N, C-alpha and C. Protein backbone atom coordinates (compact mmCIF):
# COMPACT_ATOMS: atom_id res chain seq x y z
N MET A 1 56.91 19.36 21.24
CA MET A 1 56.34 18.43 20.40
C MET A 1 54.78 18.37 20.46
N GLY A 2 53.94 17.85 20.69
CA GLY A 2 52.35 17.95 20.90
C GLY A 2 51.59 18.68 20.03
N GLY A 3 50.30 19.24 20.58
CA GLY A 3 49.48 19.65 19.50
C GLY A 3 48.46 18.79 18.99
N PRO A 4 47.52 19.21 18.26
CA PRO A 4 46.18 18.48 18.09
C PRO A 4 46.77 17.41 16.98
N PRO A 5 46.17 16.31 16.90
CA PRO A 5 46.32 15.17 16.26
C PRO A 5 46.25 15.43 14.64
N LEU A 6 47.14 15.18 14.00
CA LEU A 6 47.08 15.44 12.46
C LEU A 6 46.30 14.55 11.52
N LYS A 7 45.30 15.12 10.70
CA LYS A 7 44.15 14.13 10.11
C LYS A 7 44.93 13.36 8.89
N PRO A 8 44.91 11.97 9.02
CA PRO A 8 45.19 11.35 7.62
C PRO A 8 44.57 11.82 6.37
N GLU A 9 45.46 12.14 5.31
CA GLU A 9 44.84 12.27 3.92
C GLU A 9 44.15 11.18 3.14
N GLN A 10 45.19 9.98 3.70
CA GLN A 10 44.70 8.75 2.91
C GLN A 10 44.70 7.31 4.02
N GLN A 11 43.73 6.61 4.01
CA GLN A 11 43.82 5.96 5.06
C GLN A 11 43.10 4.57 4.63
N GLU A 12 43.91 3.47 4.81
CA GLU A 12 43.10 2.24 3.87
C GLU A 12 43.68 1.00 5.00
N LEU A 13 43.15 -0.06 4.66
CA LEU A 13 43.03 -1.18 5.58
C LEU A 13 43.07 -2.70 5.03
N LEU A 14 43.92 -3.75 5.46
CA LEU A 14 44.08 -4.94 4.77
C LEU A 14 43.98 -5.70 5.94
N VAL A 15 43.16 -6.91 5.96
CA VAL A 15 42.92 -8.08 6.91
C VAL A 15 43.33 -9.26 6.26
N ASP A 16 44.34 -9.74 7.08
CA ASP A 16 44.73 -11.19 6.55
C ASP A 16 44.93 -12.09 7.85
N GLY A 17 43.63 -12.96 7.85
CA GLY A 17 43.94 -13.66 9.17
C GLY A 17 43.86 -12.75 10.04
N PRO A 18 44.79 -13.45 11.22
CA PRO A 18 45.12 -12.70 12.67
C PRO A 18 45.80 -11.30 12.51
N LEU A 19 46.25 -11.04 11.17
CA LEU A 19 46.97 -9.58 11.22
C LEU A 19 45.82 -8.75 10.56
N VAL A 20 46.12 -7.37 11.22
CA VAL A 20 45.42 -6.29 10.41
C VAL A 20 46.53 -5.18 10.26
N VAL A 21 46.33 -4.50 8.77
CA VAL A 21 47.57 -3.86 8.65
C VAL A 21 46.31 -2.72 7.94
N ALA A 22 46.88 -1.47 8.58
CA ALA A 22 46.33 -0.24 8.29
C ALA A 22 47.39 0.95 7.93
N TRP A 23 47.35 1.70 6.96
CA TRP A 23 47.95 2.66 6.59
C TRP A 23 47.40 4.21 6.29
N HIS A 24 48.17 4.94 6.59
CA HIS A 24 47.71 6.41 6.70
C HIS A 24 48.89 7.46 6.04
N ARG A 25 48.64 8.37 5.45
CA ARG A 25 49.40 9.61 4.72
C ARG A 25 48.78 10.55 5.66
N TYR A 26 50.27 11.18 6.25
CA TYR A 26 50.13 12.52 6.71
C TYR A 26 50.75 13.38 6.00
N GLY A 27 50.12 14.10 5.10
CA GLY A 27 50.94 15.33 4.17
C GLY A 27 51.65 14.55 3.29
N THR A 28 52.66 14.96 3.16
CA THR A 28 53.95 14.71 2.06
C THR A 28 54.97 14.29 3.02
N ASP A 29 55.13 14.15 4.29
CA ASP A 29 56.02 13.91 5.25
C ASP A 29 55.78 12.76 6.05
N VAL A 30 54.76 11.71 6.31
CA VAL A 30 54.77 10.76 7.33
C VAL A 30 53.84 10.11 6.51
N VAL A 31 54.57 8.82 6.49
CA VAL A 31 53.27 7.60 6.07
C VAL A 31 53.60 6.72 7.44
N ILE A 32 52.33 6.19 7.79
CA ILE A 32 52.44 5.15 9.10
C ILE A 32 51.65 3.92 8.87
N VAL A 33 52.36 2.97 8.93
CA VAL A 33 51.88 1.45 8.52
C VAL A 33 51.78 0.86 9.99
N ALA A 34 50.34 0.59 10.05
CA ALA A 34 50.11 -0.17 11.76
C ALA A 34 50.05 -1.56 11.45
N LEU A 35 50.61 -2.64 12.34
CA LEU A 35 50.23 -3.85 12.14
C LEU A 35 49.92 -4.41 13.43
N ALA A 36 48.68 -5.02 13.38
CA ALA A 36 47.88 -5.45 14.64
C ALA A 36 47.67 -6.60 14.53
N GLY A 37 47.50 -7.49 15.76
CA GLY A 37 47.37 -8.82 16.15
C GLY A 37 48.61 -9.55 15.85
N GLU A 38 48.69 -10.60 15.06
CA GLU A 38 49.61 -11.50 14.69
C GLU A 38 50.22 -11.47 13.41
N LEU A 39 51.57 -11.32 13.31
CA LEU A 39 52.35 -11.34 12.08
C LEU A 39 53.47 -12.35 12.22
N ASP A 40 52.84 -13.29 11.17
CA ASP A 40 53.76 -14.76 10.97
C ASP A 40 53.71 -14.89 9.51
N ALA A 41 54.62 -16.20 9.41
CA ALA A 41 54.66 -16.78 8.08
C ALA A 41 53.60 -16.74 6.91
N ALA A 42 52.17 -16.88 7.89
CA ALA A 42 51.13 -17.01 6.92
C ALA A 42 50.85 -15.66 6.29
N ASN A 43 51.02 -14.67 6.71
CA ASN A 43 50.51 -13.23 6.42
C ASN A 43 51.85 -12.36 6.28
N VAL A 44 52.86 -12.85 6.33
CA VAL A 44 54.04 -11.71 6.35
C VAL A 44 53.90 -10.99 4.86
N GLY A 45 53.52 -11.48 3.78
CA GLY A 45 53.44 -11.38 2.64
C GLY A 45 52.72 -9.96 2.47
N SER A 46 51.65 -10.25 3.19
CA SER A 46 50.66 -9.09 3.14
C SER A 46 51.14 -7.67 3.80
N ALA A 47 51.96 -7.70 4.53
CA ALA A 47 52.48 -6.75 5.48
C ALA A 47 53.47 -6.19 4.67
N ARG A 48 54.39 -7.07 3.78
CA ARG A 48 55.55 -6.72 3.16
C ARG A 48 54.98 -6.06 1.89
N GLY A 49 53.70 -6.31 1.22
CA GLY A 49 53.33 -5.76 0.15
C GLY A 49 52.82 -4.46 0.32
N VAL A 50 52.41 -4.21 1.41
CA VAL A 50 51.72 -2.86 1.89
C VAL A 50 52.85 -2.04 1.99
N LEU A 51 53.97 -2.31 2.62
CA LEU A 51 55.16 -1.61 3.03
C LEU A 51 55.82 -1.38 1.72
N ALA A 52 56.02 -2.16 0.64
CA ALA A 52 56.78 -2.05 -0.40
C ALA A 52 55.91 -0.81 -1.09
N GLU A 53 54.40 -0.96 -1.21
CA GLU A 53 53.84 -0.13 -2.24
C GLU A 53 53.94 1.17 -1.29
N VAL A 54 53.85 1.51 -0.03
CA VAL A 54 53.78 3.03 0.44
C VAL A 54 55.45 3.45 0.33
N ALA A 55 56.25 2.50 0.27
CA ALA A 55 57.72 2.93 0.00
C ALA A 55 57.74 3.49 -1.14
N VAL A 56 57.46 2.83 -2.21
CA VAL A 56 57.49 3.62 -3.54
C VAL A 56 56.68 4.63 -3.84
N GLU A 57 55.53 4.95 -3.15
CA GLU A 57 54.72 6.04 -3.29
C GLU A 57 55.56 7.38 -2.59
N GLY A 58 55.94 7.08 -1.38
CA GLY A 58 56.40 8.05 -1.08
C GLY A 58 57.89 8.07 -0.35
N ALA A 59 58.91 8.18 -1.73
CA ALA A 59 60.19 7.71 -1.08
C ALA A 59 60.72 8.67 -0.28
N ASP A 60 60.33 9.90 -0.25
CA ASP A 60 60.98 11.16 0.68
C ASP A 60 60.19 11.09 2.07
N GLU A 61 59.25 10.26 2.26
CA GLU A 61 58.20 10.09 3.59
C GLU A 61 59.15 9.49 4.67
N ILE A 62 58.77 10.15 5.92
CA ILE A 62 59.36 9.19 6.80
C ILE A 62 58.32 7.92 7.19
N LEU A 63 58.86 6.74 7.09
CA LEU A 63 58.20 5.49 7.42
C LEU A 63 57.84 5.27 8.80
N VAL A 64 56.61 5.36 9.55
CA VAL A 64 56.58 4.59 10.64
C VAL A 64 55.84 3.51 10.56
N VAL A 65 56.33 2.42 11.41
CA VAL A 65 55.86 1.08 11.42
C VAL A 65 55.36 1.25 13.12
N ASP A 66 54.23 1.15 13.19
CA ASP A 66 53.42 1.23 14.38
C ASP A 66 52.97 -0.20 14.92
N LEU A 67 53.83 -0.66 15.49
CA LEU A 67 53.82 -2.08 16.36
C LEU A 67 52.80 -1.93 17.52
N SER A 68 52.17 -1.11 18.12
CA SER A 68 51.68 -0.98 19.36
C SER A 68 50.31 -1.97 19.76
N ALA A 69 50.04 -2.36 18.44
CA ALA A 69 48.59 -3.27 18.76
C ALA A 69 49.04 -4.89 18.25
N LEU A 70 50.48 -4.83 18.08
CA LEU A 70 51.03 -6.20 17.62
C LEU A 70 51.31 -7.02 18.97
N GLU A 71 50.68 -8.15 18.70
CA GLU A 71 50.45 -9.12 20.03
C GLU A 71 51.47 -10.41 19.92
N PHE A 72 51.85 -10.51 18.71
CA PHE A 72 52.68 -11.83 18.13
C PHE A 72 53.35 -11.44 17.10
N ILE A 73 54.79 -11.91 17.04
CA ILE A 73 55.67 -11.95 15.81
C ILE A 73 56.35 -12.98 15.98
N ASP A 74 56.95 -13.56 14.63
CA ASP A 74 57.52 -14.76 14.45
C ASP A 74 58.76 -14.57 13.64
N SER A 75 59.73 -15.38 13.60
CA SER A 75 60.97 -15.14 12.55
C SER A 75 60.65 -14.47 11.34
N SER A 76 59.59 -14.68 10.56
CA SER A 76 59.34 -13.87 9.46
C SER A 76 59.13 -12.47 9.76
N GLY A 77 58.24 -12.42 10.74
CA GLY A 77 58.15 -10.80 10.83
C GLY A 77 59.37 -10.19 11.33
N ILE A 78 60.15 -10.70 12.17
CA ILE A 78 61.44 -10.28 12.52
C ILE A 78 62.25 -9.81 11.22
N ALA A 79 62.27 -10.80 10.45
CA ALA A 79 63.13 -10.67 9.03
C ALA A 79 62.71 -9.63 8.27
N LEU A 80 61.34 -9.10 8.19
CA LEU A 80 60.65 -7.89 7.74
C LEU A 80 61.30 -6.80 8.48
N LEU A 81 61.26 -6.62 9.74
CA LEU A 81 61.85 -5.49 10.34
C LEU A 81 63.12 -5.36 10.15
N VAL A 82 64.08 -6.25 10.05
CA VAL A 82 65.49 -6.31 9.78
C VAL A 82 65.68 -5.72 8.20
N SER A 83 64.79 -6.26 7.12
CA SER A 83 65.08 -5.61 5.98
C SER A 83 64.62 -4.26 6.04
N LEU A 84 63.71 -3.65 6.84
CA LEU A 84 63.36 -2.27 6.73
C LEU A 84 64.52 -1.50 7.30
N ALA A 85 65.04 -2.06 8.43
CA ALA A 85 66.21 -1.16 8.87
C ALA A 85 67.24 -1.30 7.93
N GLU A 86 67.77 -2.34 7.39
CA GLU A 86 68.93 -2.61 6.45
C GLU A 86 68.42 -1.26 5.04
N ALA A 87 67.25 -1.47 4.66
CA ALA A 87 66.83 -0.80 3.75
C ALA A 87 66.85 0.95 4.07
N ASP A 88 66.85 0.96 5.20
CA ASP A 88 66.86 2.51 5.63
C ASP A 88 68.33 3.03 5.75
N GLY A 89 69.20 2.12 6.08
CA GLY A 89 70.57 2.74 5.88
C GLY A 89 70.89 3.53 6.91
N ASP A 90 70.98 4.78 6.81
CA ASP A 90 71.35 5.66 7.71
C ASP A 90 70.49 5.85 8.89
N GLY A 91 69.38 5.31 8.79
CA GLY A 91 68.44 5.68 10.08
C GLY A 91 67.81 6.90 10.16
N THR A 92 67.39 7.56 8.98
CA THR A 92 66.65 8.70 8.79
C THR A 92 65.23 8.70 8.40
N LYS A 93 64.90 7.60 8.04
CA LYS A 93 63.63 7.56 7.29
C LYS A 93 62.50 6.38 7.92
N LEU A 94 63.13 5.78 9.14
CA LEU A 94 62.19 4.45 9.38
C LEU A 94 62.04 4.98 10.96
N ARG A 95 61.00 4.97 11.65
CA ARG A 95 60.72 4.93 12.95
C ARG A 95 59.86 3.84 13.33
N VAL A 96 59.87 3.33 14.63
CA VAL A 96 59.11 2.11 15.01
C VAL A 96 58.49 2.61 16.48
N VAL A 97 57.01 2.29 16.07
CA VAL A 97 56.44 2.63 17.46
C VAL A 97 56.31 1.23 18.08
N PRO A 98 56.70 0.98 19.23
CA PRO A 98 57.13 -0.52 19.86
C PRO A 98 55.72 -1.07 20.42
N SER A 99 55.69 -2.43 20.49
CA SER A 99 54.58 -3.19 21.18
C SER A 99 55.01 -3.12 22.50
N ASP A 100 53.92 -3.48 23.45
CA ASP A 100 54.42 -3.65 24.76
C ASP A 100 54.06 -5.32 25.13
N ALA A 101 53.63 -5.91 24.02
CA ALA A 101 53.27 -7.35 24.23
C ALA A 101 54.41 -8.14 24.53
N PRO A 102 54.50 -8.72 25.58
CA PRO A 102 55.69 -9.80 25.97
C PRO A 102 56.00 -10.85 24.62
N ALA A 103 55.52 -11.09 24.02
CA ALA A 103 55.42 -12.09 23.06
C ALA A 103 56.53 -11.46 21.86
N VAL A 104 56.26 -9.95 21.81
CA VAL A 104 56.76 -9.40 20.72
C VAL A 104 58.07 -8.79 21.26
N THR A 105 58.07 -8.06 22.45
CA THR A 105 59.52 -7.59 23.09
C THR A 105 60.26 -8.50 23.38
N ARG A 106 60.17 -9.61 23.71
CA ARG A 106 60.92 -10.75 24.12
C ARG A 106 61.64 -11.37 22.78
N ILE A 107 61.13 -11.55 22.04
CA ILE A 107 61.72 -12.30 20.66
C ILE A 107 62.52 -10.69 20.02
N MET A 108 61.90 -9.49 20.01
CA MET A 108 62.84 -8.52 19.52
C MET A 108 64.20 -8.35 20.06
N ARG A 109 64.02 -8.48 21.62
CA ARG A 109 65.40 -8.35 22.59
C ARG A 109 66.25 -9.30 21.99
N LEU A 110 65.60 -10.78 22.14
CA LEU A 110 66.72 -12.09 22.11
C LEU A 110 67.19 -11.92 20.65
N THR A 111 66.63 -11.53 19.49
CA THR A 111 67.15 -11.47 18.31
C THR A 111 68.20 -10.25 18.03
N GLY A 112 68.22 -9.25 18.83
CA GLY A 112 68.99 -7.85 18.61
C GLY A 112 68.15 -7.27 17.73
N VAL A 113 67.16 -7.32 17.19
CA VAL A 113 66.14 -6.19 16.39
C VAL A 113 66.13 -5.12 17.10
N ASP A 114 65.75 -5.13 18.29
CA ASP A 114 65.49 -3.81 19.07
C ASP A 114 66.63 -2.76 18.99
N SER A 115 67.68 -3.44 18.96
CA SER A 115 68.98 -2.34 18.59
C SER A 115 69.14 -1.94 17.27
N MET A 116 68.69 -2.54 16.24
CA MET A 116 68.68 -2.20 14.77
C MET A 116 67.59 -0.98 14.61
N LEU A 117 66.79 -0.95 15.52
CA LEU A 117 65.56 0.13 15.13
C LEU A 117 65.74 1.23 15.86
N ARG A 118 64.94 2.48 15.09
CA ARG A 118 64.84 3.44 15.88
C ARG A 118 63.31 3.80 16.13
N PHE A 119 63.35 3.90 17.65
CA PHE A 119 61.86 3.71 18.07
C PHE A 119 61.44 5.44 18.24
N ALA A 120 60.20 5.59 17.89
CA ALA A 120 59.44 6.61 18.07
C ALA A 120 59.24 6.79 19.78
N ARG A 121 59.49 8.21 20.30
CA ARG A 121 59.32 8.46 21.68
C ARG A 121 57.58 8.86 21.62
N GLU A 122 57.01 9.44 20.66
CA GLU A 122 55.69 9.60 20.67
C GLU A 122 55.09 9.23 19.32
N HIS A 123 53.69 8.87 19.13
CA HIS A 123 53.10 8.69 18.24
C HIS A 123 53.20 9.62 17.32
N PRO A 124 53.62 9.89 15.90
CA PRO A 124 54.02 10.73 15.13
C PRO A 124 52.60 11.68 14.31
N ALA A 125 51.37 11.11 14.60
CA ALA A 125 50.33 11.83 14.46
C ALA A 125 49.66 12.50 15.38
N GLN A 126 50.62 12.51 16.79
CA GLN A 126 50.33 13.42 17.86
C GLN A 126 51.05 14.49 17.79
N ALA A 127 52.33 14.42 16.87
CA ALA A 127 53.19 15.65 16.81
C ALA A 127 52.63 16.57 15.99
N ALA A 128 53.21 17.88 16.49
CA ALA A 128 52.88 19.09 15.55
C ALA A 128 53.70 19.40 14.68
């Protein structure tokens, strides 16, 4: 897998307090929504809105939720990830790039959400 990074066709950004949501489309196959900073009850609605918008636009695309720059997540963020996993059903359309932040990995492990998600081994934009 490897190769040159793909160039996004469409790139957008939303800032809601300590949360930054960026989304990029790569062809007709992949949309990446990156969540950076802190995802909590005060801003989860913004993240949910972006995710709903990209899901409607690209029903056949693989949705990659990139948490690699996420530093904090509370129960409302966990609920969002659970709803994404449940909506994916058979696990073929959702991939998650994990966060290494202790505050994120700990709550995901404690709640069992990490076992519900399919993690990407490499960032899809780097794959050929």
